[in-house]
PDB file of all heavy atoms in Angstrom:
ATOM      1  N   ALA A   1       0.841  -1.201   0.000  1.00  0.00           N
ATOM      2  CA  ALA A   1       0.000   0.000   0.000  1.00  0.00           C
ATOM      3  C   ALA A   1       0.877   1.252   0.000  1.00  0.00           C
ATOM      4  O   ALA A   1       1.927   1.286   0.639  1.00  0.00           O
ATOM      5  CB  ALA A   1      -0.913   0.004   1.224  1.00  0.00           C
ATOM      6  N   GLU A   2       0.429   2.265  -0.725  1.00  0.00           N
ATOM      7  CA  GLU A   2       1.151   3.533  -0.810  1.00  0.00           C
ATOM      8  C   GLU A   2       0.295   4.647  -0.233  1.00  0.00           C
ATOM      9  O   GLU A   2      -0.930   4.523  -0.147  1.00  0.00           O
ATOM     10  CB  GLU A   2       1.468   3.882  -2.270  1.00  0.00           C
ATOM     11  CG  GLU A   2       2.423   2.941  -2.933  1.00  0.00           C
ATOM     12  CD  GLU A   2       2.735   3.341  -4.375  1.00  0.00           C
ATOM     13  OE1 GLU A   2       2.601   4.535  -4.724  1.00  0.00           O
ATOM     14  OE2 GLU A   2       3.094   2.448  -5.156  1.00  0.00           O
ATOM     15  N   THR A   3       0.961   5.751   0.122  1.00  0.00           N
ATOM     16  CA  THR A   3       0.267   6.958   0.546  1.00  0.00           C
ATOM     17  C   THR A   3       1.076   8.164   0.092  1.00  0.00           C
ATOM     18  O   THR A   3       2.208   8.005  -0.390  1.00  0.00           O
ATOM     19  CB  THR A   3       0.064   6.986   2.075  1.00  0.00           C
ATOM     20  OG1 THR A   3      -0.893   7.995   2.405  1.00  0.00           O
ATOM     21  CG2 THR A   3       1.361   7.255   2.813  1.00  0.00           C
ATOM     22  N   GLU A   4       0.496   9.326   0.224  1.00  0.00           N
ATOM     23  CA  GLU A   4       1.212  10.567  -0.064  1.00  0.00           C
ATOM     24  C   GLU A   4       2.060  10.897   1.159  1.00  0.00           C
ATOM     25  O   GLU A   4       1.524  11.260   2.209  1.00  0.00           O
ATOM     26  CB  GLU A   4       0.217  11.694  -0.350  1.00  0.00           C
ATOM     27  CG  GLU A   4       0.853  13.015  -0.702  1.00  0.00           C
ATOM     28  CD  GLU A   4       1.485  13.009  -2.084  1.00  0.00           C
ATOM     29  OE1 GLU A   4       1.044  12.265  -2.980  1.00  0.00           O
ATOM     30  OE2 GLU A   4       2.449  13.780  -2.263  1.00  0.00           O
ATOM     31  N   MET A   5       3.368  10.742   1.036  1.00  0.00           N
ATOM     32  CA  MET A   5       4.275  11.053   2.136  1.00  0.00           C
ATOM     33  C   MET A   5       4.392  12.570   2.285  1.00  0.00           C
ATOM     34  O   MET A   5       4.298  13.311   1.303  1.00  0.00           O
ATOM     35  CB  MET A   5       5.663  10.446   1.888  1.00  0.00           C
ATOM     36  CG  MET A   5       5.685   8.923   1.775  1.00  0.00           C
ATOM     37  SD  MET A   5       5.237   8.048   3.291  1.00  0.00           S
ATOM     38  CE  MET A   5       6.638   8.410   4.340  1.00  0.00           C
ATOM     39  N   ASP A   6       4.593  13.032   3.510  1.00  0.00           N
ATOM     40  CA  ASP A   6       4.748  14.452   3.783  1.00  0.00           C
ATOM     41  C   ASP A   6       6.103  14.922   3.246  1.00  0.00           C
ATOM     42  O   ASP A   6       7.144  14.457   3.714  1.00  0.00           O
ATOM     43  CB  ASP A   6       4.659  14.693   5.288  1.00  0.00           C
ATOM     44  CG  ASP A   6       4.745  16.158   5.679  1.00  0.00           C
ATOM     45  OD1 ASP A   6       4.936  17.024   4.795  1.00  0.00           O
ATOM     46  OD2 ASP A   6       4.621  16.435   6.885  1.00  0.00           O
ATOM     47  N   PRO A   7       6.144  15.832   2.274  1.00  0.00           N
ATOM     48  CA  PRO A   7       7.428  16.297   1.735  1.00  0.00           C
ATOM     49  C   PRO A   7       8.329  16.936   2.797  1.00  0.00           C
ATOM     50  O   PRO A   7       9.552  16.882   2.680  1.00  0.00           O
ATOM     51  CB  PRO A   7       7.028  17.327   0.674  1.00  0.00           C
ATOM     52  CG  PRO A   7       5.637  16.977   0.297  1.00  0.00           C
ATOM     53  CD  PRO A   7       5.010  16.419   1.545  1.00  0.00           C
ATOM     54  N   LEU A   8       7.732  17.491   3.845  1.00  0.00           N
ATOM     55  CA  LEU A   8       8.539  18.063   4.922  1.00  0.00           C
ATOM     56  C   LEU A   8       9.399  16.988   5.595  1.00  0.00           C
ATOM     57  O   LEU A   8      10.508  17.271   6.059  1.00  0.00           O
ATOM     58  CB  LEU A   8       7.644  18.753   5.947  1.00  0.00           C
ATOM     59  CG  LEU A   8       8.355  19.465   7.101  1.00  0.00           C
ATOM     60  CD1 LEU A   8       9.314  20.539   6.585  1.00  0.00           C
ATOM     61  CD2 LEU A   8       7.339  20.071   8.061  1.00  0.00           C
ATOM     62  N   LEU A   9       8.919  15.745   5.599  1.00  0.00           N
ATOM     63  CA  LEU A   9       9.708  14.647   6.162  1.00  0.00           C
ATOM     64  C   LEU A   9      11.017  14.472   5.382  1.00  0.00           C
ATOM     65  O   LEU A   9      12.069  14.226   5.971  1.00  0.00           O
ATOM     66  CB  LEU A   9       8.897  13.351   6.138  1.00  0.00           C
ATOM     67  CG  LEU A   9       9.578  12.104   6.691  1.00  0.00           C
ATOM     68  CD1 LEU A   9       9.939  12.276   8.163  1.00  0.00           C
ATOM     69  CD2 LEU A   9       8.673  10.892   6.487  1.00  0.00           C
ATOM     70  N   PHE A  10      10.957  14.637   4.070  1.00  0.00           N
ATOM     71  CA  PHE A  10      12.170  14.536   3.261  1.00  0.00           C
ATOM     72  C   PHE A  10      13.133  15.668   3.595  1.00  0.00           C
ATOM     73  O   PHE A  10      14.344  15.482   3.612  1.00  0.00           O
ATOM     74  CB  PHE A  10      11.830  14.521   1.770  1.00  0.00           C
ATOM     75  CG  PHE A  10      10.825  13.463   1.400  1.00  0.00           C
ATOM     76  CD1 PHE A  10       9.815  13.745   0.494  1.00  0.00           C
ATOM     77  CD2 PHE A  10      10.864  12.194   1.957  1.00  0.00           C
ATOM     78  CE1 PHE A  10       8.877  12.783   0.141  1.00  0.00           C
ATOM     79  CE2 PHE A  10       9.936  11.223   1.620  1.00  0.00           C
ATOM     80  CZ  PHE A  10       8.940  11.527   0.708  1.00  0.00           C
ATOM     81  N   ASP A  11      12.572  16.856   3.867  1.00  0.00           N
ATOM     82  CA  ASP A  11      13.411  17.983   4.267  1.00  0.00           C
ATOM     83  C   ASP A  11      14.089  17.719   5.608  1.00  0.00           C
ATOM     84  O   ASP A  11      15.274  18.009   5.786  1.00  0.00           O
ATOM     85  CB  ASP A  11      12.595  19.275   4.355  1.00  0.00           C
ATOM     86  CG  ASP A  11      12.096  19.755   2.997  1.00  0.00           C
ATOM     87  OD1 ASP A  11      12.699  19.387   1.974  1.00  0.00           O
ATOM     88  OD2 ASP A  11      11.100  20.493   2.981  1.00  0.00           O
ATOM     89  N   VAL A  12      13.341  17.179   6.565  1.00  0.00           N
ATOM     90  CA  VAL A  12      13.924  16.843   7.868  1.00  0.00           C
ATOM     91  C   VAL A  12      15.085  15.868   7.670  1.00  0.00           C
ATOM     92  O   VAL A  12      16.172  16.050   8.223  1.00  0.00           O
ATOM     93  CB  VAL A  12      12.862  16.241   8.819  1.00  0.00           C
ATOM     94  CG1 VAL A  12      13.500  15.656  10.068  1.00  0.00           C
ATOM     95  CG2 VAL A  12      11.813  17.282   9.180  1.00  0.00           C
ATOM     96  N   LEU A  13      14.865  14.858   6.856  1.00  0.00           N
ATOM     97  CA  LEU A  13      15.902  13.868   6.589  1.00  0.00           C
ATOM     98  C   LEU A  13      17.099  14.496   5.891  1.00  0.00           C
ATOM     99  O   LEU A  13      18.257  14.272   6.269  1.00  0.00           O
ATOM    100  CB  LEU A  13      15.305  12.730   5.753  1.00  0.00           C
ATOM    101  CG  LEU A  13      16.194  11.530   5.488  1.00  0.00           C
ATOM    102  CD1 LEU A  13      16.691  10.902   6.784  1.00  0.00           C
ATOM    103  CD2 LEU A  13      15.428  10.501   4.656  1.00  0.00           C
ATOM    104  N   TRP A  14      16.848  15.312   4.874  1.00  0.00           N
ATOM    105  CA  TRP A  14      17.925  15.948   4.113  1.00  0.00           C
ATOM    106  C   TRP A  14      18.757  16.874   5.012  1.00  0.00           C
ATOM    107  O   TRP A  14      19.982  16.819   5.001  1.00  0.00           O
ATOM    108  CB  TRP A  14      17.354  16.714   2.924  1.00  0.00           C
ATOM    109  CG  TRP A  14      18.405  17.293   2.032  1.00  0.00           C
ATOM    110  CD1 TRP A  14      19.127  16.632   1.069  1.00  0.00           C
ATOM    111  CD2 TRP A  14      18.871  18.644   2.019  1.00  0.00           C
ATOM    112  NE1 TRP A  14      20.002  17.502   0.458  1.00  0.00           N
ATOM    113  CE2 TRP A  14      19.866  18.745   1.034  1.00  0.00           C
ATOM    114  CE3 TRP A  14      18.542  19.786   2.748  1.00  0.00           C
ATOM    115  CZ2 TRP A  14      20.535  19.932   0.744  1.00  0.00           C
ATOM    116  CZ3 TRP A  14      19.208  20.966   2.465  1.00  0.00           C
ATOM    117  CH2 TRP A  14      20.189  21.033   1.475  1.00  0.00           C
ATOM    118  N   HIS A  15      18.088  17.713   5.794  1.00  0.00           N
ATOM    119  CA  HIS A  15      18.814  18.622   6.689  1.00  0.00           C
ATOM    120  C   HIS A  15      19.611  17.840   7.735  1.00  0.00           C
ATOM    121  O   HIS A  15      20.725  18.219   8.082  1.00  0.00           O
ATOM    122  CB  HIS A  15      17.862  19.604   7.376  1.00  0.00           C
ATOM    123  CG  HIS A  15      17.344  20.676   6.472  1.00  0.00           C
ATOM    124  ND1 HIS A  15      18.173  21.605   5.865  1.00  0.00           N
ATOM    125  CD2 HIS A  15      16.083  20.968   6.068  1.00  0.00           C
ATOM    126  CE1 HIS A  15      17.437  22.436   5.136  1.00  0.00           C
ATOM    127  NE2 HIS A  15      16.167  22.061   5.232  1.00  0.00           N
ATOM    128  N   THR A  16      19.055  16.732   8.207  1.00  0.00           N
ATOM    129  CA  THR A  16      19.780  15.902   9.187  1.00  0.00           C
ATOM    130  C   THR A  16      21.059  15.351   8.581  1.00  0.00           C
ATOM    131  O   THR A  16      22.114  15.359   9.225  1.00  0.00           O
ATOM    132  CB  THR A  16      18.869  14.766   9.707  1.00  0.00           C
ATOM    133  OG1 THR A  16      17.698  15.342  10.303  1.00  0.00           O
ATOM    134  CG2 THR A  16      19.578  13.913  10.739  1.00  0.00           C
ATOM    135  N   THR A  17      20.995  14.895   7.318  1.00  0.00           N
ATOM    136  CA  THR A  17      22.216  14.385   6.678  1.00  0.00           C
ATOM    137  C   THR A  17      23.259  15.489   6.554  1.00  0.00           C
ATOM    138  O   THR A  17      24.448  15.242   6.742  1.00  0.00           O
ATOM    139  CB  THR A  17      21.943  13.796   5.269  1.00  0.00           C
ATOM    140  OG1 THR A  17      21.481  14.815   4.389  1.00  0.00           O
ATOM    141  CG2 THR A  17      20.970  12.645   5.327  1.00  0.00           C
ATOM    142  N   ARG A  18      22.814  16.693   6.241  1.00  0.00           N
ATOM    143  CA  ARG A  18      23.753  17.825   6.092  1.00  0.00           C
ATOM    144  C   ARG A  18      24.417  18.175   7.418  1.00  0.00           C
ATOM    145  O   ARG A  18      25.606  18.467   7.455  1.00  0.00           O
ATOM    146  CB  ARG A  18      23.017  19.041   5.529  1.00  0.00           C
ATOM    147  CG  ARG A  18      22.304  18.819   4.213  1.00  0.00           C
ATOM    148  CD  ARG A  18      23.243  18.777   3.073  1.00  0.00           C
ATOM    149  NE  ARG A  18      23.757  20.118   2.869  1.00  0.00           N
ATOM    150  CZ  ARG A  18      24.201  20.590   1.735  1.00  0.00           C
ATOM    151  NH1 ARG A  18      24.180  19.822   0.673  1.00  0.00           N
ATOM    152  NH2 ARG A  18      24.677  21.802   1.638  1.00  0.00           N
ATOM    153  N   ILE A  19      23.656  18.166   8.493  1.00  0.00           N
ATOM    154  CA  ILE A  19      24.200  18.524   9.803  1.00  0.00           C
ATOM    155  C   ILE A  19      25.283  17.545  10.236  1.00  0.00           C
ATOM    156  O   ILE A  19      26.323  17.951  10.755  1.00  0.00           O
ATOM    157  CB  ILE A  19      23.080  18.613  10.864  1.00  0.00           C
ATOM    158  CG1 ILE A  19      22.149  19.796  10.543  1.00  0.00           C
ATOM    159  CG2 ILE A  19      23.663  18.762  12.269  1.00  0.00           C
ATOM    160  CD1 ILE A  19      20.854  19.793  11.332  1.00  0.00           C
ATOM    161  N   VAL A  20      25.054  16.237  10.019  1.00  0.00           N
ATOM    162  CA  VAL A  20      26.054  15.243  10.443  1.00  0.00           C
ATOM    163  C   VAL A  20      27.127  15.003   9.381  1.00  0.00           C
ATOM    164  O   VAL A  20      28.088  14.284   9.624  1.00  0.00           O
ATOM    165  CB  VAL A  20      25.429  13.891  10.864  1.00  0.00           C
ATOM    166  CG1 VAL A  20      24.491  14.074  12.027  1.00  0.00           C
ATOM    167  CG2 VAL A  20      24.747  13.196   9.711  1.00  0.00           C
ATOM    168  N   GLY A  21      26.964  15.589   8.193  1.00  0.00           N
ATOM    169  CA  GLY A  21      27.964  15.425   7.140  1.00  0.00           C
ATOM    170  C   GLY A  21      27.910  14.076   6.455  1.00  0.00           C
ATOM    171  O   GLY A  21      28.922  13.573   5.963  1.00  0.00           O
ATOM    172  N   PHE A  22      26.720  13.482   6.362  1.00  0.00           N
ATOM    173  CA  PHE A  22      26.580  12.167   5.751  1.00  0.00           C
ATOM    174  C   PHE A  22      26.215  12.312   4.282  1.00  0.00           C
ATOM    175  O   PHE A  22      25.281  13.035   3.931  1.00  0.00           O
ATOM    176  CB  PHE A  22      25.496  11.357   6.473  1.00  0.00           C
ATOM    177  CG  PHE A  22      25.313   9.971   5.944  1.00  0.00           C
ATOM    178  CD1 PHE A  22      26.255   8.993   6.197  1.00  0.00           C
ATOM    179  CD2 PHE A  22      24.210   9.647   5.168  1.00  0.00           C
ATOM    180  CE1 PHE A  22      26.095   7.709   5.697  1.00  0.00           C
ATOM    181  CE2 PHE A  22      24.036   8.368   4.673  1.00  0.00           C
ATOM    182  CZ  PHE A  22      24.988   7.392   4.936  1.00  0.00           C
ATOM    183  N   GLY A  23      26.935  11.603   3.407  1.00  0.00           N
ATOM    184  CA  GLY A  23      26.673  11.689   1.978  1.00  0.00           C
ATOM    185  C   GLY A  23      26.362  10.361   1.330  1.00  0.00           C
ATOM    186  O   GLY A  23      26.244  10.283   0.110  1.00  0.00           O
ATOM    187  N   GLY A  24      26.188   9.320   2.123  1.00  0.00           N
ATOM    188  CA  GLY A  24      25.927   7.995   1.562  1.00  0.00           C
ATOM    189  C   GLY A  24      24.443   7.699   1.427  1.00  0.00           C
ATOM    190  O   GLY A  24      23.610   8.586   1.484  1.00  0.00           O
ATOM    191  N   SER A  25      24.149   6.415   1.260  1.00  0.00           N
ATOM    192  CA  SER A  25      22.756   5.967   1.149  1.00  0.00           C
ATOM    193  C   SER A  25      22.167   5.754   2.540  1.00  0.00           C
ATOM    194  O   SER A  25      22.770   5.084   3.382  1.00  0.00           O
ATOM    195  CB  SER A  25      22.672   4.666   0.360  1.00  0.00           C
ATOM    196  OG  SER A  25      22.995   4.913  -0.992  1.00  0.00           O
ATOM    197  N   ILE A  26      21.001   6.298   2.752  1.00  0.00           N
ATOM    198  CA  ILE A  26      20.285   6.197   4.023  1.00  0.00           C
ATOM    199  C   ILE A  26      19.503   4.895   4.020  1.00  0.00           C
ATOM    200  O   ILE A  26      18.785   4.585   3.061  1.00  0.00           O
ATOM    201  CB  ILE A  26      19.315   7.390   4.169  1.00  0.00           C
ATOM    202  CG1 ILE A  26      20.098   8.700   4.129  1.00  0.00           C
ATOM    203  CG2 ILE A  26      18.472   7.261   5.430  1.00  0.00           C
ATOM    204  CD1 ILE A  26      19.253   9.902   3.760  1.00  0.00           C
ATOM    205  N   GLU A  27      19.620   4.127   5.095  1.00  0.00           N
ATOM    206  CA  GLU A  27      18.846   2.900   5.236  1.00  0.00           C
ATOM    207  C   GLU A  27      17.496   3.241   5.847  1.00  0.00           C
ATOM    208  O   GLU A  27      17.423   3.841   6.921  1.00  0.00           O
ATOM    209  CB  GLU A  27      19.564   1.888   6.123  1.00  0.00           C
ATOM    210  CG  GLU A  27      20.799   1.304   5.492  1.00  0.00           C
ATOM    211  CD  GLU A  27      21.456   0.243   6.361  1.00  0.00           C
ATOM    212  OE1 GLU A  27      20.983  -0.035   7.486  1.00  0.00           O
ATOM    213  OE2 GLU A  27      22.459  -0.312   5.900  1.00  0.00           O
ATOM    214  N   VAL A  28      16.420   2.855   5.155  1.00  0.00           N
ATOM    215  CA  VAL A  28      15.061   3.072   5.650  1.00  0.00           C
ATOM    216  C   VAL A  28      14.536   1.735   6.151  1.00  0.00           C
ATOM    217  O   VAL A  28      14.358   0.799   5.380  1.00  0.00           O
ATOM    218  CB  VAL A  28      14.141   3.624   4.534  1.00  0.00           C
ATOM    219  CG1 VAL A  28      12.718   3.812   5.064  1.00  0.00           C
ATOM    220  CG2 VAL A  28      14.693   4.925   3.974  1.00  0.00           C
ATOM    221  N   LEU A  29      14.298   1.659   7.459  1.00  0.00           N
ATOM    222  CA  LEU A  29      13.788   0.434   8.051  1.00  0.00           C
ATOM    223  C   LEU A  29      12.272   0.366   7.990  1.00  0.00           C
ATOM    224  O   LEU A  29      11.696  -0.719   7.873  1.00  0.00           O
ATOM    225  CB  LEU A  29      14.252   0.320   9.504  1.00  0.00           C
ATOM    226  CG  LEU A  29      15.698  -0.096   9.703  1.00  0.00           C
ATOM    227  CD1 LEU A  29      16.675   0.967   9.257  1.00  0.00           C
ATOM    228  CD2 LEU A  29      15.947  -0.436  11.149  1.00  0.00           C
TER     229      LEU A  29
END
């Protein structure tokens, strides 16, 4: 099943990667 994910969630994730300096692939559990 799919849903419309909140685009702000992607921003939270993106900003978090920038803060910690991570540039690899994020594992989604």
